[in-house]
Amino acid sequence: MGDATLEKRVDRLELALMELAYQSRKTEMALEQLSREMRDFKEEMRAFRDEIEKGFKEMNKRWGELANKMGTLVEDIVAPGVPAAIKNTFGWELEELSTRRRKRKNGREREYDVIAVTPHHVFVIDVKGTYRPHYLEDFQKALEEFLDFFPEYSGKKPVGVVASLNMNQDMVNLATKRGWLALNLSGDYLEFLNAGDIEL
């Protein structure tokens, strides 16, 4: 093999190596570009996810505010009708009516939706848009602690009342078993549904 042939082969090898280096550099640049695009994509997705999470938090906050407003709205519908319901059912005049009474004692806090006071009884009324069975245990505890938080009513008999805009018969029966009155929105505005079954 002559020097010329060897030189040609070396030249072709050098060209092939240069082409390989060029292609390698192109591949490296393409990978760098892909890496940058992936990084940008990840950042965009992170920003998008953060925006979605922020939107969910805002939506949950608004739902919470709406639920609170609905709760107080029902209390505002029920409370004004309580004096007439007590007068019409039991013949007693109210000495006092208050809503959303909150007290703190020994680091604990309780809030009662409606408190209606007669000469010998204090009606402790728990109000819900629709009263459900799982609310009963919470109200039971609240009722048991009522005089601890409001000792000024200790000379009067506490009367538990569950109130709703739509009280079904099952709830009335559960309230009756516990010795509580069930108060419901009706044609005459508010009506005690089980007054004949409860001895005060």
N, C-alpha and C. Protein backbone atom coordinates (compact mmCIF):
# COMPACT_ATOMS: atom_id res chain seq x y z
N MET A 1 0.86 -1.17 0.00
CA MET A 1 0.00 0.00 0.00
C MET A 1 0.91 1.23 0.00
N GLY A 2 0.63 2.18 -0.92
CA GLY A 2 1.50 3.34 -1.02
C GLY A 2 1.14 4.41 -0.04
N ASP A 3 2.08 5.38 0.04
CA ASP A 3 1.85 6.50 0.97
C ASP A 3 0.60 7.28 0.59
N ALA A 4 0.33 7.41 -0.70
CA ALA A 4 -0.82 8.19 -1.17
C ALA A 4 -2.11 7.54 -0.72
N THR A 5 -2.16 6.21 -0.86
CA THR A 5 -3.36 5.49 -0.44
C THR A 5 -3.56 5.61 1.06
N LEU A 6 -2.49 5.48 1.81
CA LEU A 6 -2.56 5.60 3.27
C LEU A 6 -3.00 7.01 3.66
N GLU A 7 -2.50 7.98 2.94
CA GLU A 7 -2.84 9.39 3.23
C GLU A 7 -4.33 9.63 2.97
N LYS A 8 -4.83 9.01 1.86
CA LYS A 8 -6.26 9.16 1.55
C LYS A 8 -7.12 8.55 2.65
N ARG A 9 -6.70 7.37 3.10
CA ARG A 9 -7.45 6.71 4.17
C ARG A 9 -7.43 7.52 5.45
N VAL A 10 -6.28 8.11 5.77
CA VAL A 10 -6.16 8.97 6.97
C VAL A 10 -7.07 10.18 6.80
N ASP A 11 -7.08 10.76 5.57
CA ASP A 11 -7.94 11.93 5.32
C ASP A 11 -9.42 11.55 5.51
N ARG A 12 -9.80 10.35 4.94
CA ARG A 12 -11.19 9.92 5.08
C ARG A 12 -11.54 9.66 6.55
N LEU A 13 -10.58 9.08 7.27
CA LEU A 13 -10.78 8.82 8.69
C LEU A 13 -10.93 10.12 9.47
N GLU A 14 -10.10 11.10 9.13
CA GLU A 14 -10.19 12.42 9.78
C GLU A 14 -11.53 13.07 9.48
N LEU A 15 -11.96 12.96 8.19
CA LEU A 15 -13.27 13.52 7.81
C LEU A 15 -14.40 12.82 8.57
N ALA A 16 -14.28 11.48 8.65
CA ALA A 16 -15.30 10.71 9.37
C ALA A 16 -15.33 11.11 10.84
N LEU A 17 -14.14 11.29 11.44
CA LEU A 17 -14.07 11.71 12.84
C LEU A 17 -14.63 13.12 13.01
N MET A 18 -14.32 14.01 12.05
CA MET A 18 -14.85 15.38 12.12
C MET A 18 -16.38 15.36 12.00
N GLU A 19 -16.89 14.51 11.07
CA GLU A 19 -18.35 14.37 10.90
C GLU A 19 -18.99 13.81 12.16
N LEU A 20 -18.31 12.82 12.74
CA LEU A 20 -18.80 12.22 13.99
C LEU A 20 -18.82 13.25 15.11
N ALA A 21 -17.74 14.06 15.20
CA ALA A 21 -17.67 15.10 16.22
C ALA A 21 -18.78 16.13 16.00
N TYR A 22 -19.01 16.47 14.71
CA TYR A 22 -20.05 17.45 14.36
C TYR A 22 -21.43 16.91 14.75
N GLN A 23 -21.68 15.65 14.37
CA GLN A 23 -22.97 15.03 14.70
C GLN A 23 -23.14 14.90 16.21
N SER A 24 -22.02 14.56 16.88
CA SER A 24 -22.06 14.44 18.34
C SER A 24 -22.40 15.79 18.98
N ARG A 25 -21.78 16.85 18.43
CA ARG A 25 -22.05 18.20 18.96
C ARG A 25 -23.50 18.59 18.70
N LYS A 26 -24.02 18.25 17.51
CA LYS A 26 -25.41 18.55 17.18
C LYS A 26 -26.35 17.81 18.15
N THR A 27 -26.00 16.53 18.39
CA THR A 27 -26.81 15.74 19.32
C THR A 27 -26.77 16.34 20.72
N GLU A 28 -25.56 16.75 21.12
CA GLU A 28 -25.39 17.36 22.45
C GLU A 28 -26.21 18.64 22.55
N MET A 29 -26.16 19.47 21.49
CA MET A 29 -26.93 20.73 21.48
C MET A 29 -28.43 20.44 21.50
N ALA A 30 -28.84 19.40 20.75
CA ALA A 30 -30.26 19.04 20.74
C ALA A 30 -30.70 18.56 22.12
N LEU A 31 -29.84 17.78 22.78
CA LEU A 31 -30.16 17.31 24.13
C LEU A 31 -30.23 18.47 25.12
N GLU A 32 -29.30 19.43 24.97
CA GLU A 32 -29.33 20.62 25.84
C GLU A 32 -30.62 21.40 25.62
N GLN A 33 -31.01 21.54 24.33
CA GLN A 33 -32.25 22.25 24.00
C GLN A 33 -33.45 21.51 24.58
N LEU A 34 -33.45 20.18 24.43
CA LEU A 34 -34.53 19.37 24.98
C LEU A 34 -34.58 19.50 26.50
N SER A 35 -33.40 19.50 27.13
CA SER A 35 -33.32 19.63 28.58
C SER A 35 -33.88 20.99 29.03
N ARG A 36 -33.51 22.06 28.26
CA ARG A 36 -34.05 23.40 28.59
C ARG A 36 -35.56 23.43 28.44
N GLU A 37 -36.04 22.82 27.35
CA GLU A 37 -37.49 22.80 27.11
C GLU A 37 -38.21 22.00 28.19
N MET A 38 -37.61 20.88 28.61
CA MET A 38 -38.20 20.08 29.69
C MET A 38 -38.23 20.86 30.99
N ARG A 39 -37.13 21.59 31.25
CA ARG A 39 -37.07 22.40 32.46
C ARG A 39 -38.15 23.49 32.42
N ASP A 40 -38.26 24.15 31.25
CA ASP A 40 -39.28 25.19 31.09
C ASP A 40 -40.68 24.59 31.25
N PHE A 41 -40.87 23.39 30.67
CA PHE A 41 -42.17 22.73 30.75
C PHE A 41 -42.51 22.40 32.21
N LYS A 42 -41.50 21.88 32.93
CA LYS A 42 -41.72 21.55 34.35
C LYS A 42 -42.08 22.80 35.15
N GLU A 43 -41.38 23.91 34.85
CA GLU A 43 -41.67 25.16 35.57
C GLU A 43 -43.08 25.66 35.25
N GLU A 44 -43.45 25.54 33.96
CA GLU A 44 -44.81 25.95 33.57
C GLU A 44 -45.85 25.06 34.26
N MET A 45 -45.58 23.76 34.29
CA MET A 45 -46.52 22.84 34.94
C MET A 45 -46.61 23.11 36.44
N ARG A 46 -45.45 23.43 37.06
CA ARG A 46 -45.45 23.76 38.49
C ARG A 46 -46.27 25.03 38.74
N ALA A 47 -46.07 26.03 37.87
CA ALA A 47 -46.83 27.29 38.00
C ALA A 47 -48.32 27.02 37.79
N PHE A 48 -48.62 26.16 36.80
CA PHE A 48 -50.02 25.81 36.52
C PHE A 48 -50.64 25.09 37.71
N ARG A 49 -49.88 24.11 38.28
CA ARG A 49 -50.36 23.37 39.45
C ARG A 49 -50.59 24.31 40.63
N ASP A 50 -49.63 25.23 40.85
CA ASP A 50 -49.77 26.20 41.94
C ASP A 50 -51.01 27.06 41.75
N GLU A 51 -51.26 27.45 40.49
CA GLU A 51 -52.43 28.28 40.18
C GLU A 51 -53.72 27.50 40.44
N ILE A 52 -53.71 26.21 40.04
CA ILE A 52 -54.89 25.36 40.29
C ILE A 52 -55.13 25.20 41.79
N GLU A 53 -54.04 24.92 42.54
CA GLU A 53 -54.17 24.75 43.99
C GLU A 53 -54.69 26.03 44.64
N LYS A 54 -54.17 27.17 44.17
CA LYS A 54 -54.62 28.46 44.69
C LYS A 54 -56.11 28.64 44.40
N GLY A 55 -56.52 28.23 43.18
CA GLY A 55 -57.93 28.33 42.81
C GLY A 55 -58.80 27.44 43.68
N PHE A 56 -58.33 26.21 43.96
CA PHE A 56 -59.09 25.30 44.82
C PHE A 56 -59.20 25.86 46.24
N LYS A 57 -58.09 26.42 46.75
CA LYS A 57 -58.13 27.00 48.10
C LYS A 57 -59.13 28.15 48.17
N GLU A 58 -59.10 28.98 47.13
CA GLU A 58 -60.03 30.12 47.09
C GLU A 58 -61.47 29.62 47.00
N MET A 59 -61.70 28.59 46.17
CA MET A 59 -63.04 28.04 46.02
C MET A 59 -63.51 27.42 47.35
N ASN A 60 -62.63 26.67 48.02
CA ASN A 60 -62.99 26.08 49.31
C ASN A 60 -63.31 27.15 50.34
N LYS A 61 -62.52 28.23 50.31
CA LYS A 61 -62.77 29.34 51.24
C LYS A 61 -64.16 29.94 50.98
N ARG A 62 -64.48 30.12 49.70
CA ARG A 62 -65.78 30.72 49.36
C ARG A 62 -66.93 29.79 49.72
N TRP A 63 -66.72 28.46 49.51
CA TRP A 63 -67.75 27.50 49.91
C TRP A 63 -67.95 27.54 51.42
N GLY A 64 -66.84 27.65 52.15
CA GLY A 64 -66.93 27.75 53.61
C GLY A 64 -67.70 28.98 54.04
N GLU A 65 -67.41 30.12 53.38
CA GLU A 65 -68.10 31.36 53.70
C GLU A 65 -69.59 31.24 53.39
N LEU A 66 -69.89 30.60 52.23
CA LEU A 66 -71.29 30.42 51.85
C LEU A 66 -72.01 29.51 52.85
N ALA A 67 -71.33 28.43 53.27
CA ALA A 67 -71.93 27.52 54.25
C ALA A 67 -72.20 28.25 55.56
N ASN A 68 -71.26 29.10 55.99
CA ASN A 68 -71.47 29.87 57.22
C ASN A 68 -72.65 30.82 57.07
N LYS A 69 -72.72 31.48 55.89
CA LYS A 69 -73.84 32.40 55.67
C LYS A 69 -75.16 31.66 55.66
N MET A 70 -75.16 30.45 55.05
CA MET A 70 -76.39 29.67 55.03
C MET A 70 -76.80 29.28 56.45
N GLY A 71 -75.81 28.90 57.26
CA GLY A 71 -76.09 28.53 58.65
C GLY A 71 -76.70 29.69 59.41
N THR A 72 -76.12 30.86 59.31
CA THR A 72 -76.65 32.01 60.03
C THR A 72 -77.97 32.47 59.44
N LEU A 73 -78.16 32.25 58.12
CA LEU A 73 -79.42 32.62 57.49
C LEU A 73 -80.57 31.81 58.08
N VAL A 74 -80.35 30.50 58.26
CA VAL A 74 -81.39 29.65 58.84
C VAL A 74 -81.68 30.08 60.29
N GLU A 75 -80.62 30.39 61.03
CA GLU A 75 -80.83 30.89 62.40
C GLU A 75 -81.66 32.17 62.38
N ASP A 76 -81.37 33.06 61.42
CA ASP A 76 -82.10 34.33 61.32
C ASP A 76 -83.55 34.12 60.92
N ILE A 77 -83.85 33.02 60.22
CA ILE A 77 -85.24 32.70 59.87
C ILE A 77 -85.96 32.11 61.09
N VAL A 78 -85.26 31.22 61.82
CA VAL A 78 -85.90 30.51 62.93
C VAL A 78 -86.10 31.40 64.16
N ALA A 79 -85.06 32.14 64.54
CA ALA A 79 -85.08 32.88 65.82
C ALA A 79 -86.31 33.78 66.01
N PRO A 80 -86.70 34.61 65.02
CA PRO A 80 -87.86 35.48 65.27
C PRO A 80 -89.17 34.74 65.50
N GLY A 81 -89.27 33.49 65.03
CA GLY A 81 -90.51 32.73 65.21
C GLY A 81 -90.58 31.97 66.51
N VAL A 82 -89.46 31.91 67.25
CA VAL A 82 -89.43 31.13 68.50
C VAL A 82 -90.39 31.66 69.55
N PRO A 83 -90.46 32.97 69.81
CA PRO A 83 -91.40 33.44 70.85
C PRO A 83 -92.85 33.03 70.58
N ALA A 84 -93.29 33.16 69.32
CA ALA A 84 -94.67 32.79 68.99
C ALA A 84 -94.88 31.29 69.12
N ALA A 85 -93.88 30.48 68.70
CA ALA A 85 -94.01 29.03 68.79
C ALA A 85 -94.13 28.59 70.25
N ILE A 86 -93.32 29.18 71.13
CA ILE A 86 -93.38 28.83 72.56
C ILE A 86 -94.70 29.31 73.17
N LYS A 87 -95.11 30.53 72.82
CA LYS A 87 -96.37 31.08 73.35
C LYS A 87 -97.56 30.23 72.89
N ASN A 88 -97.59 29.91 71.57
CA ASN A 88 -98.73 29.15 71.02
C ASN A 88 -98.78 27.72 71.55
N THR A 89 -97.62 27.11 71.81
CA THR A 89 -97.59 25.71 72.23
C THR A 89 -97.71 25.55 73.74
N PHE A 90 -96.99 26.40 74.50
CA PHE A 90 -96.93 26.21 75.96
C PHE A 90 -97.61 27.34 76.74
N GLY A 91 -97.91 28.43 76.06
CA GLY A 91 -98.55 29.56 76.73
C GLY A 91 -97.60 30.43 77.54
N TRP A 92 -96.30 30.31 77.31
CA TRP A 92 -95.31 31.05 78.10
C TRP A 92 -94.77 32.24 77.30
N GLU A 93 -94.61 33.34 78.00
CA GLU A 93 -93.97 34.53 77.41
C GLU A 93 -92.45 34.41 77.59
N LEU A 94 -91.70 34.93 76.66
CA LEU A 94 -90.24 34.92 76.78
C LEU A 94 -89.75 36.10 77.61
N GLU A 95 -88.73 35.85 78.41
CA GLU A 95 -88.03 36.90 79.13
C GLU A 95 -86.83 37.40 78.32
N GLU A 96 -86.32 36.49 77.49
CA GLU A 96 -85.09 36.81 76.77
C GLU A 96 -84.97 35.90 75.55
N LEU A 97 -84.46 36.48 74.45
CA LEU A 97 -84.17 35.69 73.24
C LEU A 97 -82.83 36.17 72.69
N SER A 98 -81.93 35.24 72.46
CA SER A 98 -80.63 35.64 71.91
C SER A 98 -80.17 34.62 70.88
N THR A 99 -79.35 35.07 69.94
CA THR A 99 -78.83 34.19 68.90
C THR A 99 -77.30 34.21 68.93
N ARG A 100 -76.73 33.09 68.47
CA ARG A 100 -75.28 32.94 68.35
C ARG A 100 -74.55 33.39 69.62
N ARG A 101 -74.97 32.83 70.74
CA ARG A 101 -74.33 33.14 72.03
C ARG A 101 -73.07 32.32 72.16
N ARG A 102 -71.96 33.00 72.34
CA ARG A 102 -70.66 32.32 72.44
C ARG A 102 -70.02 32.68 73.77
N LYS A 103 -69.44 31.66 74.42
CA LYS A 103 -68.73 31.90 75.68
C LYS A 103 -67.48 31.06 75.73
N ARG A 104 -66.47 31.63 76.38
CA ARG A 104 -65.20 30.92 76.57
C ARG A 104 -65.03 30.70 78.07
N LYS A 105 -64.59 29.47 78.43
CA LYS A 105 -64.38 29.16 79.84
C LYS A 105 -63.28 28.13 79.96
N ASN A 106 -62.30 28.42 80.81
CA ASN A 106 -61.17 27.50 81.04
C ASN A 106 -60.53 27.03 79.73
N GLY A 107 -60.35 27.96 78.80
CA GLY A 107 -59.70 27.63 77.53
C GLY A 107 -60.59 26.91 76.54
N ARG A 108 -61.85 26.70 76.88
CA ARG A 108 -62.80 26.05 75.98
C ARG A 108 -63.85 27.05 75.55
N GLU A 109 -64.46 26.78 74.40
CA GLU A 109 -65.46 27.70 73.87
C GLU A 109 -66.67 26.93 73.37
N ARG A 110 -67.86 27.50 73.59
CA ARG A 110 -69.10 26.93 73.08
C ARG A 110 -69.92 28.05 72.46
N GLU A 111 -70.62 27.71 71.39
CA GLU A 111 -71.57 28.65 70.80
C GLU A 111 -72.92 27.96 70.66
N TYR A 112 -73.98 28.69 71.04
CA TYR A 112 -75.34 28.16 70.96
C TYR A 112 -76.13 29.03 69.98
N ASP A 113 -76.85 28.36 69.08
CA ASP A 113 -77.52 29.07 68.00
C ASP A 113 -78.60 30.03 68.51
N VAL A 114 -79.54 29.49 69.29
CA VAL A 114 -80.64 30.31 69.82
C VAL A 114 -80.89 29.90 71.26
N ILE A 115 -81.04 30.89 72.12
CA ILE A 115 -81.41 30.65 73.53
C ILE A 115 -82.68 31.45 73.80
N ALA A 116 -83.72 30.75 74.26
CA ALA A 116 -85.00 31.40 74.56
C ALA A 116 -85.34 31.12 76.02
N VAL A 117 -85.52 32.18 76.79
CA VAL A 117 -85.69 32.05 78.25
C VAL A 117 -87.11 32.40 78.67
N THR A 118 -87.75 31.46 79.41
CA THR A 118 -89.07 31.71 80.00
C THR A 118 -88.88 31.73 81.52
N PRO A 119 -89.92 32.02 82.28
CA PRO A 119 -89.75 32.10 83.73
C PRO A 119 -89.14 30.85 84.37
N HIS A 120 -89.44 29.66 83.84
CA HIS A 120 -88.95 28.43 84.48
C HIS A 120 -88.09 27.54 83.58
N HIS A 121 -87.98 27.88 82.31
CA HIS A 121 -87.25 27.04 81.36
C HIS A 121 -86.32 27.89 80.50
N VAL A 122 -85.25 27.24 80.02
CA VAL A 122 -84.40 27.88 79.03
C VAL A 122 -84.29 26.91 77.85
N PHE A 123 -84.83 27.35 76.71
CA PHE A 123 -84.82 26.54 75.49
C PHE A 123 -83.48 26.76 74.77
N VAL A 124 -82.73 25.67 74.66
CA VAL A 124 -81.43 25.71 73.98
C VAL A 124 -81.66 25.09 72.60
N ILE A 125 -81.57 25.93 71.57
CA ILE A 125 -82.02 25.52 70.24
C ILE A 125 -80.84 25.39 69.28
N ASP A 126 -80.70 24.20 68.71
CA ASP A 126 -79.65 23.93 67.72
C ASP A 126 -80.29 23.94 66.34
N VAL A 127 -79.81 24.84 65.48
CA VAL A 127 -80.46 25.07 64.19
C VAL A 127 -79.59 24.55 63.04
N LYS A 128 -80.22 23.83 62.12
CA LYS A 128 -79.55 23.37 60.90
C LYS A 128 -80.52 23.52 59.73
N GLY A 129 -79.98 23.75 58.54
CA GLY A 129 -80.83 23.82 57.34
C GLY A 129 -81.59 22.52 57.17
N THR A 130 -80.87 21.41 57.25
CA THR A 130 -81.47 20.07 57.28
C THR A 130 -80.80 19.33 58.43
N TYR A 131 -81.58 18.91 59.41
CA TYR A 131 -80.99 18.26 60.58
C TYR A 131 -80.71 16.80 60.27
N ARG A 132 -79.45 16.38 60.55
CA ARG A 132 -79.05 15.00 60.26
C ARG A 132 -78.68 14.28 61.57
N PRO A 133 -78.82 12.97 61.60
CA PRO A 133 -78.59 12.23 62.85
C PRO A 133 -77.21 12.45 63.48
N HIS A 134 -76.17 12.63 62.65
CA HIS A 134 -74.83 12.76 63.24
C HIS A 134 -74.64 14.08 63.99
N TYR A 135 -75.57 15.03 63.82
CA TYR A 135 -75.48 16.28 64.59
C TYR A 135 -75.89 16.09 66.05
N LEU A 136 -76.63 15.01 66.32
CA LEU A 136 -77.22 14.83 67.65
C LEU A 136 -76.18 14.69 68.75
N GLU A 137 -75.08 13.96 68.49
CA GLU A 137 -74.07 13.75 69.54
C GLU A 137 -73.41 15.07 69.94
N ASP A 138 -73.09 15.89 68.93
CA ASP A 138 -72.48 17.19 69.24
C ASP A 138 -73.42 18.04 70.08
N PHE A 139 -74.70 18.02 69.71
CA PHE A 139 -75.67 18.82 70.47
C PHE A 139 -75.85 18.26 71.88
N GLN A 140 -75.80 16.94 72.01
CA GLN A 140 -75.90 16.32 73.34
C GLN A 140 -74.82 16.86 74.26
N LYS A 141 -73.57 16.90 73.76
CA LYS A 141 -72.46 17.41 74.57
C LYS A 141 -72.65 18.88 74.88
N ALA A 142 -73.07 19.64 73.87
CA ALA A 142 -73.28 21.08 74.07
C ALA A 142 -74.37 21.32 75.12
N LEU A 143 -75.42 20.52 75.06
CA LEU A 143 -76.53 20.67 76.01
C LEU A 143 -76.08 20.30 77.43
N GLU A 144 -75.28 19.24 77.55
CA GLU A 144 -74.78 18.84 78.87
C GLU A 144 -73.90 19.91 79.49
N GLU A 145 -73.21 20.67 78.67
CA GLU A 145 -72.29 21.71 79.17
C GLU A 145 -72.91 23.10 79.25
N PHE A 146 -74.18 23.19 78.87
CA PHE A 146 -74.80 24.51 78.77
C PHE A 146 -74.71 25.31 80.07
N LEU A 147 -75.11 24.70 81.18
CA LEU A 147 -75.12 25.44 82.45
C LEU A 147 -73.71 25.72 82.97
N ASP A 148 -72.71 24.94 82.53
CA ASP A 148 -71.32 25.27 82.88
C ASP A 148 -70.91 26.58 82.23
N PHE A 149 -71.34 26.77 80.97
CA PHE A 149 -70.98 27.99 80.26
C PHE A 149 -71.91 29.16 80.61
N PHE A 150 -73.16 28.85 80.95
CA PHE A 150 -74.13 29.90 81.28
C PHE A 150 -74.78 29.62 82.64
N PRO A 151 -73.99 29.75 83.71
CA PRO A 151 -74.53 29.45 85.05
C PRO A 151 -75.64 30.40 85.48
N GLU A 152 -75.77 31.52 84.78
CA GLU A 152 -76.84 32.47 85.13
C GLU A 152 -78.23 31.87 84.92
N TYR A 153 -78.32 30.76 84.18
CA TYR A 153 -79.61 30.12 83.95
C TYR A 153 -79.80 28.88 84.82
N SER A 154 -78.98 28.73 85.84
CA SER A 154 -79.02 27.50 86.64
C SER A 154 -80.34 27.30 87.40
N GLY A 155 -81.13 28.35 87.58
CA GLY A 155 -82.43 28.20 88.25
C GLY A 155 -83.53 27.76 87.32
N LYS A 156 -83.20 27.56 86.05
CA LYS A 156 -84.22 27.20 85.06
C LYS A 156 -83.90 25.83 84.44
N LYS A 157 -84.92 25.13 83.99
CA LYS A 157 -84.71 23.81 83.39
C LYS A 157 -84.31 23.95 81.92
N PRO A 158 -83.13 23.41 81.54
CA PRO A 158 -82.76 23.46 80.12
C PRO A 158 -83.64 22.51 79.29
N VAL A 159 -84.08 23.00 78.15
CA VAL A 159 -84.89 22.20 77.23
C VAL A 159 -84.15 22.14 75.89
N GLY A 160 -83.76 20.94 75.48
CA GLY A 160 -83.08 20.79 74.19
C GLY A 160 -84.07 20.86 73.05
N VAL A 161 -83.70 21.62 72.02
CA VAL A 161 -84.56 21.75 70.84
C VAL A 161 -83.69 21.64 69.59
N VAL A 162 -84.08 20.73 68.68
CA VAL A 162 -83.43 20.69 67.37
C VAL A 162 -84.38 21.36 66.39
N ALA A 163 -83.84 22.27 65.58
CA ALA A 163 -84.68 23.06 64.67
C ALA A 163 -84.14 22.97 63.26
N SER A 164 -85.07 22.96 62.31
CA SER A 164 -84.68 22.83 60.92
C SER A 164 -85.76 23.40 60.02
N LEU A 165 -85.36 23.71 58.79
CA LEU A 165 -86.34 24.13 57.80
C LEU A 165 -87.06 22.91 57.22
N ASN A 166 -86.46 21.74 57.42
CA ASN A 166 -87.04 20.53 56.83
C ASN A 166 -86.72 19.34 57.73
N MET A 167 -87.55 19.11 58.73
CA MET A 167 -87.32 18.05 59.72
C MET A 167 -88.14 16.82 59.34
N ASN A 168 -87.46 15.72 59.02
CA ASN A 168 -88.22 14.52 58.67
C ASN A 168 -88.62 13.75 59.93
N GLN A 169 -89.53 12.80 59.75
CA GLN A 169 -90.10 12.09 60.89
C GLN A 169 -89.07 11.27 61.65
N ASP A 170 -88.10 10.72 60.95
CA ASP A 170 -87.03 9.96 61.62
C ASP A 170 -86.28 10.84 62.61
N MET A 171 -85.99 12.08 62.19
CA MET A 171 -85.29 13.01 63.08
C MET A 171 -86.17 13.39 64.26
N VAL A 172 -87.44 13.57 64.01
CA VAL A 172 -88.38 13.88 65.11
C VAL A 172 -88.36 12.74 66.12
N ASN A 173 -88.39 11.50 65.64
CA ASN A 173 -88.37 10.34 66.53
C ASN A 173 -87.08 10.28 67.35
N LEU A 174 -85.94 10.54 66.69
CA LEU A 174 -84.66 10.53 67.40
C LEU A 174 -84.61 11.62 68.47
N ALA A 175 -85.12 12.80 68.14
CA ALA A 175 -85.16 13.89 69.12
C ALA A 175 -86.06 13.51 70.30
N THR A 176 -87.20 12.93 70.00
CA THR A 176 -88.16 12.53 71.05
C THR A 176 -87.53 11.52 72.00
N LYS A 177 -86.78 10.54 71.46
CA LYS A 177 -86.12 9.54 72.30
C LYS A 177 -85.16 10.19 73.29
N ARG A 178 -84.55 11.29 72.90
CA ARG A 178 -83.61 11.98 73.78
C ARG A 178 -84.31 12.98 74.70
N GLY A 179 -85.63 13.12 74.53
CA GLY A 179 -86.37 14.07 75.37
C GLY A 179 -86.27 15.50 74.88
N TRP A 180 -85.96 15.68 73.60
CA TRP A 180 -85.83 17.02 73.02
C TRP A 180 -87.03 17.34 72.15
N LEU A 181 -87.30 18.63 72.05
CA LEU A 181 -88.32 19.09 71.13
C LEU A 181 -87.75 19.19 69.72
N ALA A 182 -88.63 19.01 68.72
CA ALA A 182 -88.25 19.18 67.32
C ALA A 182 -89.06 20.35 66.76
N LEU A 183 -88.35 21.34 66.26
CA LEU A 183 -88.98 22.57 65.77
C LEU A 183 -88.77 22.64 64.26
N ASN A 184 -89.86 22.88 63.53
CA ASN A 184 -89.78 22.83 62.07
C ASN A 184 -90.54 24.01 61.47
N LEU A 185 -90.07 24.45 60.31
CA LEU A 185 -90.79 25.46 59.54
C LEU A 185 -92.05 24.81 59.01
N SER A 186 -93.18 25.50 59.20
CA SER A 186 -94.45 24.92 58.75
C SER A 186 -95.34 26.03 58.24
N GLY A 187 -96.59 25.68 57.95
CA GLY A 187 -97.54 26.68 57.46
C GLY A 187 -97.73 27.82 58.44
N ASP A 188 -97.66 27.54 59.74
CA ASP A 188 -97.81 28.58 60.77
C ASP A 188 -96.46 29.15 61.17
N TYR A 189 -95.51 29.09 60.29
CA TYR A 189 -94.16 29.58 60.47
C TYR A 189 -93.31 28.56 61.19
N LEU A 190 -93.38 28.47 62.53
CA LEU A 190 -92.62 27.45 63.25
C LEU A 190 -93.56 26.62 64.09
N GLU A 191 -93.27 25.32 64.14
CA GLU A 191 -94.15 24.42 64.89
C GLU A 191 -93.31 23.37 65.60
N PHE A 192 -93.63 23.14 66.89
CA PHE A 192 -93.02 22.02 67.62
C PHE A 192 -93.75 20.76 67.19
N LEU A 193 -93.03 19.83 66.57
CA LEU A 193 -93.65 18.65 65.98
C LEU A 193 -93.96 17.55 66.97
N ASN A 194 -93.31 17.59 68.15
CA ASN A 194 -93.48 16.50 69.11
C ASN A 194 -93.79 17.00 70.51
N ALA A 195 -94.37 18.20 70.60
CA ALA A 195 -94.63 18.79 71.92
C ALA A 195 -95.49 17.88 72.80
N GLY A 196 -96.42 17.14 72.20
CA GLY A 196 -97.28 16.25 72.98
C GLY A 196 -96.54 15.04 73.54
N ASP A 197 -95.35 14.77 73.03
CA ASP A 197 -94.59 13.59 73.48
C ASP A 197 -93.49 13.93 74.48
N ILE A 198 -93.29 15.21 74.75
CA ILE A 198 -92.21 15.64 75.63
C ILE A 198 -92.79 16.29 76.88
N GLU A 199 -92.34 15.84 78.04
CA GLU A 199 -92.80 16.42 79.29
C GLU A 199 -91.77 17.44 79.76
N LEU A 200 -92.22 18.70 79.94
CA LEU A 200 -91.29 19.75 80.35
C LEU A 200 -91.34 20.01 81.83
